[in-house]
Amino acid sequence: MTVEEKLKKMLYNCGMFEDQVDQVIARFIAESDESMNGRWNEPADAYPDALFAALWINLKDTTLAWIDENIPQAWFRPIFAQ
């Protein structure tokens, strides 16, 4: 499983559909820090859990913004709210 696939799985496990997850991840990668460039397709198990905890914080923000723009009444919105 790659870093990108793990993040997708995390969103999917929160109740999002695959096409929604794909849109959020594309946005997240586009907006991400340059330090992650070229690392999205690396094996997830090559990185510590702390990296995913940090990515999750930012991913939640991106996801919430996407939800508010596209499906503000989504039942899973509270999962991503601060």
PDB file of N, CA and C in Angstrom:
ATOM      1  N   MET A   1       0.848  -1.172   0.000  1.00  0.00           N
ATOM      2  CA  MET A   1       0.000   0.000   0.000  1.00  0.00           C
ATOM      3  C   MET A   1       0.899   1.242   0.000  1.00  0.00           C
ATOM      4  N   THR A   2       0.567   2.188  -0.867  1.00  0.00           N
ATOM      5  CA  THR A   2       1.350   3.416  -0.947  1.00  0.00           C
ATOM      6  C   THR A   2       0.827   4.443   0.052  1.00  0.00           C
ATOM      7  N   VAL A   3       1.556   5.529   0.190  1.00  0.00           N
ATOM      8  CA  VAL A   3       1.134   6.627   1.059  1.00  0.00           C
ATOM      9  C   VAL A   3      -0.223   7.146   0.585  1.00  0.00           C
ATOM     10  N   GLU A   4      -0.367   7.368  -0.718  1.00  0.00           N
ATOM     11  CA  GLU A   4      -1.632   7.860  -1.258  1.00  0.00           C
ATOM     12  C   GLU A   4      -2.769   6.872  -1.002  1.00  0.00           C
ATOM     13  N   GLU A   5      -2.516   5.609  -1.225  1.00  0.00           N
ATOM     14  CA  GLU A   5      -3.550   4.592  -1.004  1.00  0.00           C
ATOM     15  C   GLU A   5      -3.974   4.530   0.455  1.00  0.00           C
ATOM     16  N   LYS A   6      -3.031   4.700   1.367  1.00  0.00           N
ATOM     17  CA  LYS A   6      -3.373   4.670   2.794  1.00  0.00           C
ATOM     18  C   LYS A   6      -4.266   5.850   3.156  1.00  0.00           C
ATOM     19  N   LEU A   7      -3.942   7.028   2.634  1.00  0.00           N
ATOM     20  CA  LEU A   7      -4.772   8.199   2.907  1.00  0.00           C
ATOM     21  C   LEU A   7      -6.167   8.026   2.314  1.00  0.00           C
ATOM     22  N   LYS A   8      -6.236   7.461   1.119  1.00  0.00           N
ATOM     23  CA  LYS A   8      -7.533   7.193   0.503  1.00  0.00           C
ATOM     24  C   LYS A   8      -8.351   6.235   1.369  1.00  0.00           C
ATOM     25  N   LYS A   9      -7.706   5.214   1.872  1.00  0.00           N
ATOM     26  CA  LYS A   9      -8.393   4.236   2.715  1.00  0.00           C
ATOM     27  C   LYS A   9      -8.919   4.900   3.991  1.00  0.00           C
ATOM     28  N   MET A  10      -8.145   5.812   4.542  1.00  0.00           N
ATOM     29  CA  MET A  10      -8.572   6.515   5.747  1.00  0.00           C
ATOM     30  C   MET A  10      -9.853   7.306   5.486  1.00  0.00           C
ATOM     31  N   LEU A  11      -9.930   7.972   4.342  1.00  0.00           N
ATOM     32  CA  LEU A  11     -11.134   8.734   3.989  1.00  0.00           C
ATOM     33  C   LEU A  11     -12.301   7.799   3.698  1.00  0.00           C
ATOM     34  N   TYR A  12     -12.030   6.740   2.970  1.00  0.00           N
ATOM     35  CA  TYR A  12     -13.071   5.769   2.633  1.00  0.00           C
ATOM     36  C   TYR A  12     -13.668   5.165   3.906  1.00  0.00           C
ATOM     37  N   ASN A  13     -12.827   4.911   4.877  1.00  0.00           N
ATOM     38  CA  ASN A  13     -13.286   4.346   6.144  1.00  0.00           C
ATOM     39  C   ASN A  13     -14.125   5.330   6.965  1.00  0.00           C
ATOM     40  N   CYS A  14     -14.115   6.599   6.570  1.00  0.00           N
ATOM     41  CA  CYS A  14     -14.953   7.604   7.228  1.00  0.00           C
ATOM     42  C   CYS A  14     -16.302   7.763   6.531  1.00  0.00           C
ATOM     43  N   GLY A  15     -16.563   6.936   5.524  1.00  0.00           N
ATOM     44  CA  GLY A  15     -17.869   6.936   4.895  1.00  0.00           C
ATOM     45  C   GLY A  15     -17.967   7.604   3.543  1.00  0.00           C
ATOM     46  N   MET A  16     -16.847   8.058   3.009  1.00  0.00           N
ATOM     47  CA  MET A  16     -16.887   8.714   1.708  1.00  0.00           C
ATOM     48  C   MET A  16     -16.884   7.668   0.590  1.00  0.00           C
ATOM     49  N   PHE A  17     -17.476   8.028  -0.545  1.00  0.00           N
ATOM     50  CA  PHE A  17     -17.442   7.172  -1.727  1.00  0.00           C
ATOM     51  C   PHE A  17     -16.091   7.332  -2.426  1.00  0.00           C
ATOM     52  N   GLU A  18     -15.714   6.332  -3.212  1.00  0.00           N
ATOM     53  CA  GLU A  18     -14.406   6.334  -3.865  1.00  0.00           C
ATOM     54  C   GLU A  18     -14.194   7.550  -4.760  1.00  0.00           C
ATOM     55  N   ASP A  19     -15.215   7.957  -5.514  1.00  0.00           N
ATOM     56  CA  ASP A  19     -15.037   9.120  -6.386  1.00  0.00           C
ATOM     57  C   ASP A  19     -14.841  10.399  -5.572  1.00  0.00           C
ATOM     58  N   GLN A  20     -15.493  10.494  -4.429  1.00  0.00           N
ATOM     59  CA  GLN A  20     -15.303  11.641  -3.543  1.00  0.00           C
ATOM     60  C   GLN A  20     -13.887  11.638  -2.971  1.00  0.00           C
ATOM     61  N   VAL A  21     -13.457  10.472  -2.552  1.00  0.00           N
ATOM     62  CA  VAL A  21     -12.099  10.326  -2.009  1.00  0.00           C
ATOM     63  C   VAL A  21     -11.067  10.739  -3.056  1.00  0.00           C
ATOM     64  N   ASP A  22     -11.254  10.283  -4.281  1.00  0.00           N
ATOM     65  CA  ASP A  22     -10.313  10.622  -5.352  1.00  0.00           C
ATOM     66  C   ASP A  22     -10.221  12.130  -5.558  1.00  0.00           C
ATOM     67  N   GLN A  23     -11.354  12.813  -5.504  1.00  0.00           N
ATOM     68  CA  GLN A  23     -11.357  14.267  -5.678  1.00  0.00           C
ATOM     69  C   GLN A  23     -10.640  14.976  -4.530  1.00  0.00           C
ATOM     70  N   VAL A  24     -10.892  14.516  -3.318  1.00  0.00           N
ATOM     71  CA  VAL A  24     -10.249  15.134  -2.150  1.00  0.00           C
ATOM     72  C   VAL A  24      -8.744  14.893  -2.189  1.00  0.00           C
ATOM     73  N   ILE A  25      -8.330  13.682  -2.493  1.00  0.00           N
ATOM     74  CA  ILE A  25      -6.900  13.370  -2.513  1.00  0.00           C
ATOM     75  C   ILE A  25      -6.193  14.162  -3.609  1.00  0.00           C
ATOM     76  N   ALA A  26      -6.815  14.294  -4.762  1.00  0.00           N
ATOM     77  CA  ALA A  26      -6.206  15.087  -5.842  1.00  0.00           C
ATOM     78  C   ALA A  26      -5.986  16.530  -5.382  1.00  0.00           C
ATOM     79  N   ARG A  27      -6.969  17.070  -4.703  1.00  0.00           N
ATOM     80  CA  ARG A  27      -6.847  18.439  -4.178  1.00  0.00           C
ATOM     81  C   ARG A  27      -5.776  18.513  -3.099  1.00  0.00           C
ATOM     82  N   PHE A  28      -5.769  17.533  -2.205  1.00  0.00           N
ATOM     83  CA  PHE A  28      -4.803  17.506  -1.112  1.00  0.00           C
ATOM     84  C   PHE A  28      -3.372  17.454  -1.647  1.00  0.00           C
ATOM     85  N   ILE A  29      -3.145  16.602  -2.627  1.00  0.00           N
ATOM     86  CA  ILE A  29      -1.801  16.479  -3.200  1.00  0.00           C
ATOM     87  C   ILE A  29      -1.399  17.780  -3.898  1.00  0.00           C
ATOM     88  N   ALA A  30      -2.326  18.380  -4.640  1.00  0.00           N
ATOM     89  CA  ALA A  30      -2.043  19.627  -5.339  1.00  0.00           C
ATOM     90  C   ALA A  30      -1.689  20.762  -4.377  1.00  0.00           C
ATOM     91  N   GLU A  31      -2.309  20.748  -3.207  1.00  0.00           N
ATOM     92  CA  GLU A  31      -2.094  21.812  -2.222  1.00  0.00           C
ATOM     93  C   GLU A  31      -0.996  21.491  -1.211  1.00  0.00           C
ATOM     94  N   SER A  32      -0.430  20.298  -1.280  1.00  0.00           N
ATOM     95  CA  SER A  32       0.509  19.860  -0.243  1.00  0.00           C
ATOM     96  C   SER A  32       1.874  20.532  -0.359  1.00  0.00           C
ATOM     97  N   ASP A  33       2.562  20.446   0.727  1.00  0.00           N
ATOM     98  CA  ASP A  33       3.920  20.957   0.843  1.00  0.00           C
ATOM     99  C   ASP A  33       4.837  20.222  -0.138  1.00  0.00           C
ATOM    100  N   GLU A  34       5.807  20.920  -0.678  1.00  0.00           N
ATOM    101  CA  GLU A  34       6.742  20.323  -1.635  1.00  0.00           C
ATOM    102  C   GLU A  34       7.530  19.150  -1.049  1.00  0.00           C
ATOM    103  N   SER A  35       7.627  19.083   0.255  1.00  0.00           N
ATOM    104  CA  SER A  35       8.400  18.006   0.873  1.00  0.00           C
ATOM    105  C   SER A  35       7.820  16.626   0.584  1.00  0.00           C
ATOM    106  N   MET A  36       6.545  16.573   0.201  1.00  0.00           N
ATOM    107  CA  MET A  36       5.915  15.282  -0.113  1.00  0.00           C
ATOM    108  C   MET A  36       5.990  14.944  -1.605  1.00  0.00           C
ATOM    109  N   ASN A  37       6.465  15.862  -2.423  1.00  0.00           N
ATOM    110  CA  ASN A  37       6.574  15.587  -3.854  1.00  0.00           C
ATOM    111  C   ASN A  37       7.370  14.314  -4.092  1.00  0.00           C
ATOM    112  N   GLY A  38       6.834  13.445  -4.910  1.00  0.00           N
ATOM    113  CA  GLY A  38       7.526  12.203  -5.238  1.00  0.00           C
ATOM    114  C   GLY A  38       7.404  11.108  -4.194  1.00  0.00           C
ATOM    115  N   ARG A  39       6.718  11.375  -3.118  1.00  0.00           N
ATOM    116  CA  ARG A  39       6.609  10.392  -2.040  1.00  0.00           C
ATOM    117  C   ARG A  39       5.243   9.713  -1.969  1.00  0.00           C
ATOM    118  N   TRP A  40       4.275  10.219  -2.705  1.00  0.00           N
ATOM    119  CA  TRP A  40       2.911   9.705  -2.617  1.00  0.00           C
ATOM    120  C   TRP A  40       2.799   8.241  -3.022  1.00  0.00           C
ATOM    121  N   ASN A  41       3.655   7.794  -3.910  1.00  0.00           N
ATOM    122  CA  ASN A  41       3.591   6.411  -4.381  1.00  0.00           C
ATOM    123  C   ASN A  41       4.602   5.495  -3.712  1.00  0.00           C
ATOM    124  N   GLU A  42       5.242   5.986  -2.670  1.00  0.00           N
ATOM    125  CA  GLU A  42       6.178   5.152  -1.913  1.00  0.00           C
ATOM    126  C   GLU A  42       5.392   4.282  -0.930  1.00  0.00           C
ATOM    127  N   PRO A  43       5.978   3.175  -0.502  1.00  0.00           N
ATOM    128  CA  PRO A  43       5.287   2.293   0.444  1.00  0.00           C
ATOM    129  C   PRO A  43       4.956   3.014   1.762  1.00  0.00           C
ATOM    130  N   ALA A  44       3.726   2.884   2.192  1.00  0.00           N
ATOM    131  CA  ALA A  44       3.287   3.542   3.422  1.00  0.00           C
ATOM    132  C   ALA A  44       4.040   3.014   4.639  1.00  0.00           C
ATOM    133  N   ASP A  45       4.390   1.738   4.608  1.00  0.00           N
ATOM    134  CA  ASP A  45       5.070   1.173   5.774  1.00  0.00           C
ATOM    135  C   ASP A  45       6.515   1.640   5.907  1.00  0.00           C
ATOM    136  N   ALA A  46       6.990   2.443   4.961  1.00  0.00           N
ATOM    137  CA  ALA A  46       8.331   3.022   5.050  1.00  0.00           C
ATOM    138  C   ALA A  46       8.338   4.279   5.917  1.00  0.00           C
ATOM    139  N   TYR A  47       7.150   4.713   6.324  1.00  0.00           N
ATOM    140  CA  TYR A  47       7.019   5.940   7.109  1.00  0.00           C
ATOM    141  C   TYR A  47       6.400   5.642   8.463  1.00  0.00           C
ATOM    142  N   PRO A  48       6.777   6.432   9.476  1.00  0.00           N
ATOM    143  CA  PRO A  48       6.218   6.206  10.818  1.00  0.00           C
ATOM    144  C   PRO A  48       4.760   6.654  10.896  1.00  0.00           C
ATOM    145  N   ASP A  49       4.044   6.093  11.846  1.00  0.00           N
ATOM    146  CA  ASP A  49       2.646   6.454  12.063  1.00  0.00           C
ATOM    147  C   ASP A  49       2.480   7.944  12.343  1.00  0.00           C
ATOM    148  N   ALA A  50       3.498   8.559  12.921  1.00  0.00           N
ATOM    149  CA  ALA A  50       3.427   9.993  13.230  1.00  0.00           C
ATOM    150  C   ALA A  50       3.253  10.829  11.965  1.00  0.00           C
ATOM    151  N   LEU A  51       3.829  10.390  10.853  1.00  0.00           N
ATOM    152  CA  LEU A  51       3.652  11.123   9.597  1.00  0.00           C
ATOM    153  C   LEU A  51       2.183  11.103   9.195  1.00  0.00           C
ATOM    154  N   PHE A  52       1.542   9.962   9.318  1.00  0.00           N
ATOM    155  CA  PHE A  52       0.142   9.852   8.929  1.00  0.00           C
ATOM    156  C   PHE A  52      -0.759  10.626   9.884  1.00  0.00           C
ATOM    157  N   ALA A  53      -0.380  10.709  11.130  1.00  0.00           N
ATOM    158  CA  ALA A  53      -1.149  11.523  12.080  1.00  0.00           C
ATOM    159  C   ALA A  53      -1.062  12.997  11.681  1.00  0.00           C
ATOM    160  N   ALA A  54       0.117  13.438  11.277  1.00  0.00           N
ATOM    161  CA  ALA A  54       0.286  14.823  10.843  1.00  0.00           C
ATOM    162  C   ALA A  54      -0.439  15.078   9.528  1.00  0.00           C
ATOM    163  N   LEU A  55      -0.333  14.158   8.585  1.00  0.00           N
ATOM    164  CA  LEU A  55      -1.035  14.307   7.312  1.00  0.00           C
ATOM    165  C   LEU A  55      -2.545  14.327   7.525  1.00  0.00           C
ATOM    166  N   TRP A  56      -3.019  13.513   8.458  1.00  0.00           N
ATOM    167  CA  TRP A  56      -4.455  13.437   8.730  1.00  0.00           C
ATOM    168  C   TRP A  56      -5.016  14.782   9.174  1.00  0.00           C
ATOM    169  N   ILE A  57      -4.269  15.506   9.979  1.00  0.00           N
ATOM    170  CA  ILE A  57      -4.718  16.824  10.442  1.00  0.00           C
ATOM    171  C   ILE A  57      -4.986  17.726   9.245  1.00  0.00           C
ATOM    172  N   ASN A  58      -4.039  17.778   8.309  1.00  0.00           N
ATOM    173  CA  ASN A  58      -4.209  18.619   7.123  1.00  0.00           C
ATOM    174  C   ASN A  58      -5.242  18.052   6.158  1.00  0.00           C
ATOM    175  N   LEU A  59      -5.288  16.732   6.050  1.00  0.00           N
ATOM    176  CA  LEU A  59      -6.250  16.101   5.161  1.00  0.00           C
ATOM    177  C   LEU A  59      -7.678  16.370   5.624  1.00  0.00           C
ATOM    178  N   LYS A  60      -7.895  16.380   6.927  1.00  0.00           N
ATOM    179  CA  LYS A  60      -9.225  16.689   7.458  1.00  0.00           C
ATOM    180  C   LYS A  60      -9.656  18.090   7.050  1.00  0.00           C
ATOM    181  N   ASP A  61      -8.742  19.046   7.100  1.00  0.00           N
ATOM    182  CA  ASP A  61      -9.060  20.419   6.704  1.00  0.00           C
ATOM    183  C   ASP A  61      -9.425  20.492   5.221  1.00  0.00           C
ATOM    184  N   THR A  62      -8.633  19.830   4.390  1.00  0.00           N
ATOM    185  CA  THR A  62      -8.908  19.809   2.947  1.00  0.00           C
ATOM    186  C   THR A  62     -10.243  19.130   2.674  1.00  0.00           C
ATOM    187  N   THR A  63     -10.492  18.032   3.363  1.00  0.00           N
ATOM    188  CA  THR A  63     -11.739  17.294   3.174  1.00  0.00           C
ATOM    189  C   THR A  63     -12.938  18.133   3.585  1.00  0.00           C
ATOM    190  N   LEU A  64     -12.837  18.800   4.701  1.00  0.00           N
ATOM    191  CA  LEU A  64     -13.941  19.646   5.173  1.00  0.00           C
ATOM    192  C   LEU A  64     -14.229  20.759   4.170  1.00  0.00           C
ATOM    193  N   ALA A  65     -13.193  21.383   3.633  1.00  0.00           N
ATOM    194  CA  ALA A  65     -13.389  22.432   2.626  1.00  0.00           C
ATOM    195  C   ALA A  65     -14.071  21.854   1.388  1.00  0.00           C
ATOM    196  N   TRP A  66     -13.654  20.673   0.967  1.00  0.00           N
ATOM    197  CA  TRP A  66     -14.253  20.029  -0.201  1.00  0.00           C
ATOM    198  C   TRP A  66     -15.728  19.707   0.070  1.00  0.00           C
ATOM    199  N   ILE A  67     -16.007  19.172   1.242  1.00  0.00           N
ATOM    200  CA  ILE A  67     -17.392  18.851   1.605  1.00  0.00           C
ATOM    201  C   ILE A  67     -18.247  20.113   1.576  1.00  0.00           C
ATOM    202  N   ASP A  68     -17.764  21.188   2.182  1.00  0.00           N
ATOM    203  CA  ASP A  68     -18.536  22.427   2.242  1.00  0.00           C
ATOM    204  C   ASP A  68     -18.816  22.996   0.852  1.00  0.00           C
ATOM    205  N   GLU A  69     -17.918  22.778  -0.087  1.00  0.00           N
ATOM    206  CA  GLU A  69     -18.101  23.258  -1.453  1.00  0.00           C
ATOM    207  C   GLU A  69     -19.001  22.354  -2.283  1.00  0.00           C
ATOM    208  N   ASN A  70     -19.020  21.065  -1.982  1.00  0.00           N
ATOM    209  CA  ASN A  70     -19.679  20.103  -2.854  1.00  0.00           C
ATOM    210  C   ASN A  70     -20.904  19.419  -2.272  1.00  0.00           C
ATOM    211  N   ILE A  71     -20.855  19.048  -1.016  1.00  0.00           N
ATOM    212  CA  ILE A  71     -21.984  18.352  -0.386  1.00  0.00           C
ATOM    213  C   ILE A  71     -22.073  18.749   1.095  1.00  0.00           C
ATOM    214  N   PRO A  72     -22.439  20.002   1.352  1.00  0.00           N
ATOM    215  CA  PRO A  72     -22.407  20.502   2.730  1.00  0.00           C
ATOM    216  C   PRO A  72     -23.292  19.752   3.717  1.00  0.00           C
ATOM    217  N   GLN A  73     -24.273  19.019   3.239  1.00  0.00           N
ATOM    218  CA  GLN A  73     -25.149  18.265   4.135  1.00  0.00           C
ATOM    219  C   GLN A  73     -24.710  16.811   4.289  1.00  0.00           C
ATOM    220  N   ALA A  74     -23.501  16.479   3.875  1.00  0.00           N
ATOM    221  CA  ALA A  74     -23.021  15.095   3.965  1.00  0.00           C
ATOM    222  C   ALA A  74     -23.091  14.605   5.410  1.00  0.00           C
ATOM    223  N   TRP A  75     -23.574  13.389   5.573  1.00  0.00           N
ATOM    224  CA  TRP A  75     -23.716  12.843   6.922  1.00  0.00           C
ATOM    225  C   TRP A  75     -22.375  12.678   7.607  1.00  0.00           C
ATOM    226  N   PHE A  76     -21.284  12.551   6.827  1.00  0.00           N
ATOM    227  CA  PHE A  76     -19.960  12.328   7.399  1.00  0.00           C
ATOM    228  C   PHE A  76     -19.196  13.628   7.667  1.00  0.00           C
ATOM    229  N   ARG A  77     -19.806  14.789   7.405  1.00  0.00           N
ATOM    230  CA  ARG A  77     -19.136  16.072   7.630  1.00  0.00           C
ATOM    231  C   ARG A  77     -18.618  16.221   9.063  1.00  0.00           C
ATOM    232  N   PRO A  78     -19.408  15.860  10.106  1.00  0.00           N
ATOM    233  CA  PRO A  78     -18.920  16.044  11.483  1.00  0.00           C
ATOM    234  C   PRO A  78     -17.615  15.299  11.793  1.00  0.00           C
ATOM    235  N   ILE A  79     -17.342  14.245  11.063  1.00  0.00           N
ATOM    236  CA  ILE A  79     -16.096  13.502  11.294  1.00  0.00           C
ATOM    237  C   ILE A  79     -14.888  14.388  11.034  1.00  0.00           C
ATOM    238  N   PHE A  80     -15.030  15.321  10.095  1.00  0.00           N
ATOM    239  CA  PHE A  80     -13.903  16.149   9.685  1.00  0.00           C
ATOM    240  C   PHE A  80     -13.906  17.531  10.317  1.00  0.00           C
ATOM    241  N   ALA A  81     -14.979  17.879  11.005  1.00  0.00           N
ATOM    242  CA  ALA A  81     -15.076  19.201  11.655  1.00  0.00           C
ATOM    243  C   ALA A  81     -14.134  19.245  12.858  1.00  0.00           C
ATOM    244  N   GLN A  82     -13.611  20.399  13.093  1.00  0.00           N
ATOM    245  CA  GLN A  82     -12.667  20.584  14.212  1.00  0.00           C
ATOM    246  C   GLN A  82     -13.389  20.584  15.536  1.00  0.00           C
TER     247      GLN A  82
END
